[in-house]
Amino acid sequence: MDRTMNAGPDLTTLATAVGDATRIRMLELLMEGRALVAKELAFGTGVSPATATAHLQRLEQARLVRVTRQGRNKVFRIATPTVARMVEALMTVAVRGPRASVTPEPLRAARYCYDHLAGRLGMGITDALLRAGHLSLRKRAFALTPSGEAWFQDFGIDLAPVREQRRHFAHRCLDWSERRDHLAGALGAALAAQVFSLGWVERQPDSRGLIVTPGGQRGLKRHFDVL
């Protein structure tokens, strides 16, 4: 039998890369959306720096992380939004039955999902935009309506550069704790960046979780009716 007839995506290499507890934990840590050095990832996964370096090399070879230099240090990030969606999808599959009840409350309340807002905060904002008619549902994405165009501009987001990005514009991302879709893609990332720049949320140390500030509570209530 001609093996080339079955040629396709190299799922075996991908499965090997993510099928290790340390490497999948590294990807989970990088889902905070920040760049981390090898020592930080070693500490977060409980392995030696040398072992962490070997695991990161495997992830880089599988094109799951990308490495850049900041001064003398190499820093690691999730390679692409597609990789981030894969990790989030794995989390969604992993959270089943009683496991969902032990998900830490701060992560369920508000967190980053790579570069956009998730948890009850992300869902609340997405639901508010849908209720107001600023977003509409499509099969695999959200669509920005004419009123949404005006709303995002008024909220301080220039949509022209957002549309120019080489990624999904308004992706529907399945939230692993809420089990519904929240706004992701370039538009979701721009919205999260604006919420952060307004000082409405702050990062929790060493976590994907977010803290809503007092000013954020007022702003989220006023703009989205989210508590």
C-alpha atoms as a PDB file:
ATOM      1  CA  MET A   1       0.000   0.000   0.000  1.00  0.00           C
ATOM      2  CA  ASP A   2       1.308   3.443  -0.893  1.00  0.00           C
ATOM      3  CA  ARG A   3       1.844   5.283   2.396  1.00  0.00           C
ATOM      4  CA  THR A   4       1.654   8.627   0.603  1.00  0.00           C
ATOM      5  CA  MET A   5      -2.067   8.021   0.129  1.00  0.00           C
ATOM      6  CA  ASN A   6      -2.485   8.586   3.882  1.00  0.00           C
ATOM      7  CA  ALA A   7      -0.300  11.674   4.020  1.00  0.00           C
ATOM      8  CA  GLY A   8      -1.770  14.470   6.069  1.00  0.00           C
ATOM      9  CA  PRO A   9      -1.148  16.575   9.163  1.00  0.00           C
ATOM     10  CA  ASP A  10       1.545  15.101  11.388  1.00  0.00           C
ATOM     11  CA  LEU A  11      -0.682  14.415  14.379  1.00  0.00           C
ATOM     12  CA  THR A  12       1.771  11.910  15.826  1.00  0.00           C
ATOM     13  CA  THR A  13       4.462  14.541  16.341  1.00  0.00           C
ATOM     14  CA  LEU A  14       1.922  16.945  17.791  1.00  0.00           C
ATOM     15  CA  ALA A  15       0.534  14.324  20.161  1.00  0.00           C
ATOM     16  CA  THR A  16       4.035  13.444  21.325  1.00  0.00           C
ATOM     17  CA  ALA A  17       4.832  17.088  21.977  1.00  0.00           C
ATOM     18  CA  VAL A  18       1.737  17.779  24.092  1.00  0.00           C
ATOM     19  CA  GLY A  19       1.419  14.295  25.566  1.00  0.00           C
ATOM     20  CA  ASP A  20       3.868  14.998  28.376  1.00  0.00           C
ATOM     21  CA  ALA A  21       2.691  16.393  31.720  1.00  0.00           C
ATOM     22  CA  THR A  22       5.507  18.931  31.990  1.00  0.00           C
ATOM     23  CA  ARG A  23       5.130  20.234  28.445  1.00  0.00           C
ATOM     24  CA  ILE A  24       1.363  20.614  28.621  1.00  0.00           C
ATOM     25  CA  ARG A  25       1.768  22.424  31.952  1.00  0.00           C
ATOM     26  CA  MET A  26       4.239  24.797  30.264  1.00  0.00           C
ATOM     27  CA  LEU A  27       1.690  25.571  27.573  1.00  0.00           C
ATOM     28  CA  GLU A  28      -0.916  26.161  30.258  1.00  0.00           C
ATOM     29  CA  LEU A  29       1.381  28.635  32.019  1.00  0.00           C
ATOM     30  CA  LEU A  30       2.022  30.450  28.742  1.00  0.00           C
ATOM     31  CA  MET A  31      -1.739  30.806  28.256  1.00  0.00           C
ATOM     32  CA  GLU A  32      -1.462  33.751  30.651  1.00  0.00           C
ATOM     33  CA  GLY A  33      -0.474  35.624  27.488  1.00  0.00           C
ATOM     34  CA  ARG A  34       2.886  36.709  28.864  1.00  0.00           C
ATOM     35  CA  ALA A  35       6.374  35.775  27.750  1.00  0.00           C
ATOM     36  CA  LEU A  36       8.267  33.676  30.314  1.00  0.00           C
ATOM     37  CA  VAL A  37      11.900  32.669  30.610  1.00  0.00           C
ATOM     38  CA  ALA A  38      12.977  29.054  31.017  1.00  0.00           C
ATOM     39  CA  LYS A  39      13.655  29.467  34.752  1.00  0.00           C
ATOM     40  CA  GLU A  40      10.098  30.698  35.333  1.00  0.00           C
ATOM     41  CA  LEU A  41       8.698  27.747  33.418  1.00  0.00           C
ATOM     42  CA  ALA A  42      11.001  25.379  35.304  1.00  0.00           C
ATOM     43  CA  PHE A  43       9.729  26.753  38.624  1.00  0.00           C
ATOM     44  CA  GLY A  44       6.106  26.597  37.484  1.00  0.00           C
ATOM     45  CA  THR A  45       6.395  22.952  36.454  1.00  0.00           C
ATOM     46  CA  GLY A  46       8.658  21.774  39.259  1.00  0.00           C
ATOM     47  CA  VAL A  47      11.566  20.621  37.094  1.00  0.00           C
ATOM     48  CA  SER A  48      15.216  21.638  36.880  1.00  0.00           C
ATOM     49  CA  PRO A  49      16.247  24.420  34.479  1.00  0.00           C
ATOM     50  CA  ALA A  50      18.109  21.882  32.313  1.00  0.00           C
ATOM     51  CA  THR A  51      15.031  19.653  32.075  1.00  0.00           C
ATOM     52  CA  ALA A  52      12.846  22.674  31.300  1.00  0.00           C
ATOM     53  CA  THR A  53      15.182  23.684  28.483  1.00  0.00           C
ATOM     54  CA  ALA A  54      14.906  20.225  26.920  1.00  0.00           C
ATOM     55  CA  HIS A  55      11.108  20.328  27.091  1.00  0.00           C
ATOM     56  CA  LEU A  56      11.022  23.816  25.579  1.00  0.00           C
ATOM     57  CA  GLN A  57      13.186  22.643  22.709  1.00  0.00           C
ATOM     58  CA  ARG A  58      10.619  19.932  21.970  1.00  0.00           C
ATOM     59  CA  LEU A  59       7.805  22.470  22.040  1.00  0.00           C
ATOM     60  CA  GLU A  60       9.735  24.824  19.777  1.00  0.00           C
ATOM     61  CA  GLN A  61      10.486  22.024  17.310  1.00  0.00           C
ATOM     62  CA  ALA A  62       6.762  21.237  17.199  1.00  0.00           C
ATOM     63  CA  ARG A  63       6.089  24.948  16.524  1.00  0.00           C
ATOM     64  CA  LEU A  64       3.957  25.239  19.646  1.00  0.00           C
ATOM     65  CA  VAL A  65       6.088  27.967  21.240  1.00  0.00           C
ATOM     66  CA  ARG A  66       8.252  30.691  19.774  1.00  0.00           C
ATOM     67  CA  VAL A  67      11.367  32.118  21.342  1.00  0.00           C
ATOM     68  CA  THR A  68      12.749  35.645  21.178  1.00  0.00           C
ATOM     69  CA  ARG A  69      15.503  37.440  23.037  1.00  0.00           C
ATOM     70  CA  GLN A  70      15.108  40.152  25.636  1.00  0.00           C
ATOM     71  CA  GLY A  71      18.617  41.245  26.507  1.00  0.00           C
ATOM     72  CA  ARG A  72      20.522  38.178  27.640  1.00  0.00           C
ATOM     73  CA  ASN A  73      17.403  36.089  28.180  1.00  0.00           C
ATOM     74  CA  LYS A  74      15.418  33.883  25.871  1.00  0.00           C
ATOM     75  CA  VAL A  75      11.688  34.338  26.404  1.00  0.00           C
ATOM     76  CA  PHE A  76       8.967  31.931  25.343  1.00  0.00           C
ATOM     77  CA  ARG A  77       5.436  32.562  24.143  1.00  0.00           C
ATOM     78  CA  ILE A  78       2.597  30.542  22.663  1.00  0.00           C
ATOM     79  CA  ALA A  79       3.512  30.394  18.984  1.00  0.00           C
ATOM     80  CA  THR A  80       0.198  31.439  17.416  1.00  0.00           C
ATOM     81  CA  PRO A  81      -3.460  32.075  18.321  1.00  0.00           C
ATOM     82  CA  THR A  82      -4.216  28.696  16.689  1.00  0.00           C
ATOM     83  CA  VAL A  83      -1.998  26.972  19.259  1.00  0.00           C
ATOM     84  CA  ALA A  84      -3.750  28.910  22.026  1.00  0.00           C
ATOM     85  CA  ARG A  85      -7.135  27.704  20.743  1.00  0.00           C
ATOM     86  CA  MET A  86      -5.829  24.125  20.754  1.00  0.00           C
ATOM     87  CA  VAL A  87      -4.731  24.408  24.387  1.00  0.00           C
ATOM     88  CA  GLU A  88      -8.046  25.982  25.374  1.00  0.00           C
ATOM     89  CA  ALA A  89      -9.899  23.181  23.554  1.00  0.00           C
ATOM     90  CA  LEU A  90      -7.899  20.579  25.485  1.00  0.00           C
ATOM     91  CA  MET A  91      -8.869  22.317  28.723  1.00  0.00           C
ATOM     92  CA  THR A  92     -12.516  22.228  27.674  1.00  0.00           C
ATOM     93  CA  VAL A  93     -12.332  18.486  27.039  1.00  0.00           C
ATOM     94  CA  ALA A  94     -10.442  17.919  30.313  1.00  0.00           C
ATOM     95  CA  VAL A  95     -13.016  19.706  32.479  1.00  0.00           C
ATOM     96  CA  ARG A  96     -15.726  17.102  32.904  1.00  0.00           C
ATOM     97  CA  GLY A  97     -18.163  16.184  35.651  1.00  0.00           C
ATOM     98  CA  PRO A  98     -16.875  16.788  39.185  1.00  0.00           C
ATOM     99  CA  ARG A  99     -13.637  18.326  37.894  1.00  0.00           C
ATOM    100  CA  ALA A 100     -15.519  21.496  36.980  1.00  0.00           C
ATOM    101  CA  SER A 101     -16.591  22.034  40.602  1.00  0.00           C
ATOM    102  CA  VAL A 102     -12.972  22.230  41.815  1.00  0.00           C
ATOM    103  CA  THR A 103     -11.840  24.794  39.246  1.00  0.00           C
ATOM    104  CA  PRO A 104     -10.436  27.688  41.331  1.00  0.00           C
ATOM    105  CA  GLU A 105     -13.051  30.393  41.763  1.00  0.00           C
ATOM    106  CA  PRO A 106     -10.729  33.261  40.706  1.00  0.00           C
ATOM    107  CA  LEU A 107     -10.195  31.533  37.329  1.00  0.00           C
ATOM    108  CA  ARG A 108     -13.914  30.969  36.882  1.00  0.00           C
ATOM    109  CA  ALA A 109     -14.623  34.607  37.701  1.00  0.00           C
ATOM    110  CA  ALA A 110     -12.161  36.405  35.412  1.00  0.00           C
ATOM    111  CA  ARG A 111      -9.053  35.305  33.536  1.00  0.00           C
ATOM    112  CA  TYR A 112      -7.054  35.708  30.380  1.00  0.00           C
ATOM    113  CA  CYS A 113      -7.518  33.107  27.675  1.00  0.00           C
ATOM    114  CA  TYR A 114      -4.217  33.778  25.874  1.00  0.00           C
ATOM    115  CA  ASP A 115      -4.927  37.393  24.883  1.00  0.00           C
ATOM    116  CA  HIS A 116      -8.646  37.866  25.476  1.00  0.00           C
ATOM    117  CA  LEU A 117     -11.074  37.828  28.408  1.00  0.00           C
ATOM    118  CA  ALA A 118     -12.649  34.610  29.652  1.00  0.00           C
ATOM    119  CA  GLY A 119     -14.537  33.243  32.629  1.00  0.00           C
ATOM    120  CA  ARG A 120     -17.696  34.932  33.863  1.00  0.00           C
ATOM    121  CA  LEU A 121     -16.190  38.330  33.025  1.00  0.00           C
ATOM    122  CA  GLY A 122     -15.544  37.410  29.390  1.00  0.00           C
ATOM    123  CA  MET A 123     -18.933  35.745  29.065  1.00  0.00           C
ATOM    124  CA  GLY A 124     -20.712  38.707  30.659  1.00  0.00           C
ATOM    125  CA  ILE A 125     -19.139  41.165  28.238  1.00  0.00           C
ATOM    126  CA  THR A 126     -19.854  38.927  25.245  1.00  0.00           C
ATOM    127  CA  ASP A 127     -23.475  38.456  26.324  1.00  0.00           C
ATOM    128  CA  ALA A 128     -23.877  42.220  26.767  1.00  0.00           C
ATOM    129  CA  LEU A 129     -22.559  42.920  23.263  1.00  0.00           C
ATOM    130  CA  LEU A 130     -24.941  40.324  21.831  1.00  0.00           C
ATOM    131  CA  ARG A 131     -27.932  41.696  23.757  1.00  0.00           C
ATOM    132  CA  ALA A 132     -27.174  45.220  22.556  1.00  0.00           C
ATOM    133  CA  GLY A 133     -26.987  44.016  18.962  1.00  0.00           C
ATOM    134  CA  HIS A 134     -23.326  45.008  18.611  1.00  0.00           C
ATOM    135  CA  LEU A 135     -22.405  41.395  17.813  1.00  0.00           C
ATOM    136  CA  SER A 136     -24.362  38.697  16.032  1.00  0.00           C
ATOM    137  CA  LEU A 137     -23.776  34.969  15.887  1.00  0.00           C
ATOM    138  CA  ARG A 138     -22.382  33.150  12.891  1.00  0.00           C
ATOM    139  CA  LYS A 139     -21.560  29.480  12.553  1.00  0.00           C
ATOM    140  CA  ARG A 140     -17.943  29.699  13.708  1.00  0.00           C
ATOM    141  CA  ALA A 141     -17.531  33.363  14.529  1.00  0.00           C
ATOM    142  CA  PHE A 142     -19.202  36.504  15.754  1.00  0.00           C
ATOM    143  CA  ALA A 143     -20.055  39.251  13.285  1.00  0.00           C
ATOM    144  CA  LEU A 144     -19.694  42.929  14.088  1.00  0.00           C
ATOM    145  CA  THR A 145     -22.894  44.827  13.317  1.00  0.00           C
ATOM    146  CA  PRO A 146     -23.109  48.494  12.207  1.00  0.00           C
ATOM    147  CA  SER A 147     -23.990  49.511  15.765  1.00  0.00           C
ATOM    148  CA  GLY A 148     -21.041  47.450  16.952  1.00  0.00           C
ATOM    149  CA  GLU A 149     -18.716  49.330  14.603  1.00  0.00           C
ATOM    150  CA  ALA A 150     -19.758  52.590  16.231  1.00  0.00           C
ATOM    151  CA  TRP A 151     -19.671  51.174  19.758  1.00  0.00           C
ATOM    152  CA  PHE A 152     -16.121  49.832  19.514  1.00  0.00           C
ATOM    153  CA  GLN A 153     -14.899  53.102  18.008  1.00  0.00           C
ATOM    154  CA  ASP A 154     -16.566  55.039  20.848  1.00  0.00           C
ATOM    155  CA  PHE A 155     -14.959  52.659  23.352  1.00  0.00           C
ATOM    156  CA  GLY A 156     -11.560  53.736  22.055  1.00  0.00           C
ATOM    157  CA  ILE A 157     -10.715  50.849  19.724  1.00  0.00           C
ATOM    158  CA  ASP A 158      -9.483  51.681  16.220  1.00  0.00           C
ATOM    159  CA  LEU A 159     -10.872  48.835  14.129  1.00  0.00           C
ATOM    160  CA  ALA A 160      -8.712  49.406  11.036  1.00  0.00           C
ATOM    161  CA  PRO A 161      -5.494  47.887  12.443  1.00  0.00           C
ATOM    162  CA  VAL A 162      -7.518  45.176  14.172  1.00  0.00           C
ATOM    163  CA  ARG A 163      -8.884  44.048  10.808  1.00  0.00           C
ATOM    164  CA  GLU A 164      -5.423  44.089   9.246  1.00  0.00           C
ATOM    165  CA  GLN A 165      -4.116  41.368  11.554  1.00  0.00           C
ATOM    166  CA  ARG A 166      -3.532  37.976   9.967  1.00  0.00           C
ATOM    167  CA  ARG A 167      -5.845  36.065  12.274  1.00  0.00           C
ATOM    168  CA  HIS A 168      -9.547  35.485  12.865  1.00  0.00           C
ATOM    169  CA  PHE A 169     -11.313  38.787  13.448  1.00  0.00           C
ATOM    170  CA  ALA A 170     -14.061  37.814  15.921  1.00  0.00           C
ATOM    171  CA  HIS A 171     -13.546  34.149  16.747  1.00  0.00           C
ATOM    172  CA  ARG A 172     -15.970  32.175  18.937  1.00  0.00           C
ATOM    173  CA  CYS A 173     -13.885  30.526  21.682  1.00  0.00           C
ATOM    174  CA  LEU A 174     -15.502  27.860  23.857  1.00  0.00           C
ATOM    175  CA  ASP A 175     -14.979  28.819  27.501  1.00  0.00           C
ATOM    176  CA  TRP A 176     -13.863  25.715  29.424  1.00  0.00           C
ATOM    177  CA  SER A 177     -15.377  26.856  32.730  1.00  0.00           C
ATOM    178  CA  GLU A 178     -18.611  28.426  31.431  1.00  0.00           C
ATOM    179  CA  ARG A 179     -19.136  25.951  28.560  1.00  0.00           C
ATOM    180  CA  ARG A 180     -20.263  28.701  26.193  1.00  0.00           C
ATOM    181  CA  ASP A 181     -18.546  30.832  23.555  1.00  0.00           C
ATOM    182  CA  HIS A 182     -16.848  34.108  24.391  1.00  0.00           C
ATOM    183  CA  LEU A 183     -15.365  36.726  22.063  1.00  0.00           C
ATOM    184  CA  ALA A 184     -11.803  35.939  20.931  1.00  0.00           C
ATOM    185  CA  GLY A 185      -9.721  36.680  17.853  1.00  0.00           C
ATOM    186  CA  ALA A 186      -8.250  40.063  16.993  1.00  0.00           C
ATOM    187  CA  LEU A 187     -11.368  41.896  18.181  1.00  0.00           C
ATOM    188  CA  GLY A 188     -11.440  40.053  21.499  1.00  0.00           C
ATOM    189  CA  ALA A 189      -7.753  40.796  22.030  1.00  0.00           C
ATOM    190  CA  ALA A 190      -8.268  44.498  21.274  1.00  0.00           C
ATOM    191  CA  LEU A 191     -11.183  44.649  23.703  1.00  0.00           C
ATOM    192  CA  ALA A 192      -9.143  42.955  26.447  1.00  0.00           C
ATOM    193  CA  ALA A 193      -6.226  45.322  25.849  1.00  0.00           C
ATOM    194  CA  GLN A 194      -8.522  48.336  26.153  1.00  0.00           C
ATOM    195  CA  VAL A 195     -10.118  47.038  29.366  1.00  0.00           C
ATOM    196  CA  PHE A 196      -6.628  46.531  30.785  1.00  0.00           C
ATOM    197  CA  SER A 197      -5.398  49.962  29.649  1.00  0.00           C
ATOM    198  CA  LEU A 198      -8.397  51.595  31.340  1.00  0.00           C
ATOM    199  CA  GLY A 199      -7.235  50.029  34.604  1.00  0.00           C
ATOM    200  CA  TRP A 200     -10.393  47.974  34.967  1.00  0.00           C
ATOM    201  CA  VAL A 201      -8.532  44.721  35.537  1.00  0.00           C
ATOM    202  CA  GLU A 202      -5.166  43.725  36.974  1.00  0.00           C
ATOM    203  CA  ARG A 203      -3.251  40.488  36.682  1.00  0.00           C
ATOM    204  CA  GLN A 204      -3.120  38.154  39.646  1.00  0.00           C
ATOM    205  CA  PRO A 205       0.489  37.207  40.407  1.00  0.00           C
ATOM    206  CA  ASP A 206       1.591  33.945  38.753  1.00  0.00           C
ATOM    207  CA  SER A 207      -1.888  33.202  37.431  1.00  0.00           C
ATOM    208  CA  ARG A 208      -4.163  33.620  34.443  1.00  0.00           C
ATOM    209  CA  GLY A 209      -6.689  35.071  36.864  1.00  0.00           C
ATOM    210  CA  LEU A 210      -7.642  38.743  36.802  1.00  0.00           C
ATOM    211  CA  ILE A 211      -8.665  41.115  39.576  1.00  0.00           C
ATOM    212  CA  VAL A 212     -11.410  43.613  38.752  1.00  0.00           C
ATOM    213  CA  THR A 213     -10.507  46.985  40.247  1.00  0.00           C
ATOM    214  CA  PRO A 214     -13.048  49.311  41.916  1.00  0.00           C
ATOM    215  CA  GLY A 215     -12.919  51.506  38.810  1.00  0.00           C
ATOM    216  CA  GLY A 216     -13.419  48.409  36.702  1.00  0.00           C
ATOM    217  CA  GLN A 217     -16.495  47.446  38.670  1.00  0.00           C
ATOM    218  CA  ARG A 218     -18.029  50.830  37.910  1.00  0.00           C
ATOM    219  CA  GLY A 219     -16.971  50.789  34.266  1.00  0.00           C
ATOM    220  CA  LEU A 220     -18.146  47.236  33.630  1.00  0.00           C
ATOM    221  CA  LYS A 221     -21.497  47.990  35.241  1.00  0.00           C
ATOM    222  CA  ARG A 222     -21.935  51.186  33.214  1.00  0.00           C
ATOM    223  CA  HIS A 223     -20.874  49.819  29.812  1.00  0.00           C
ATOM    224  CA  PHE A 224     -21.899  46.158  30.021  1.00  0.00           C
ATOM    225  CA  ASP A 225     -24.164  45.819  33.073  1.00  0.00           C
ATOM    226  CA  VAL A 226     -21.653  43.266  34.347  1.00  0.00           C
ATOM    227  CA  LEU A 227     -21.128  42.899  38.083  1.00  0.00           C
END
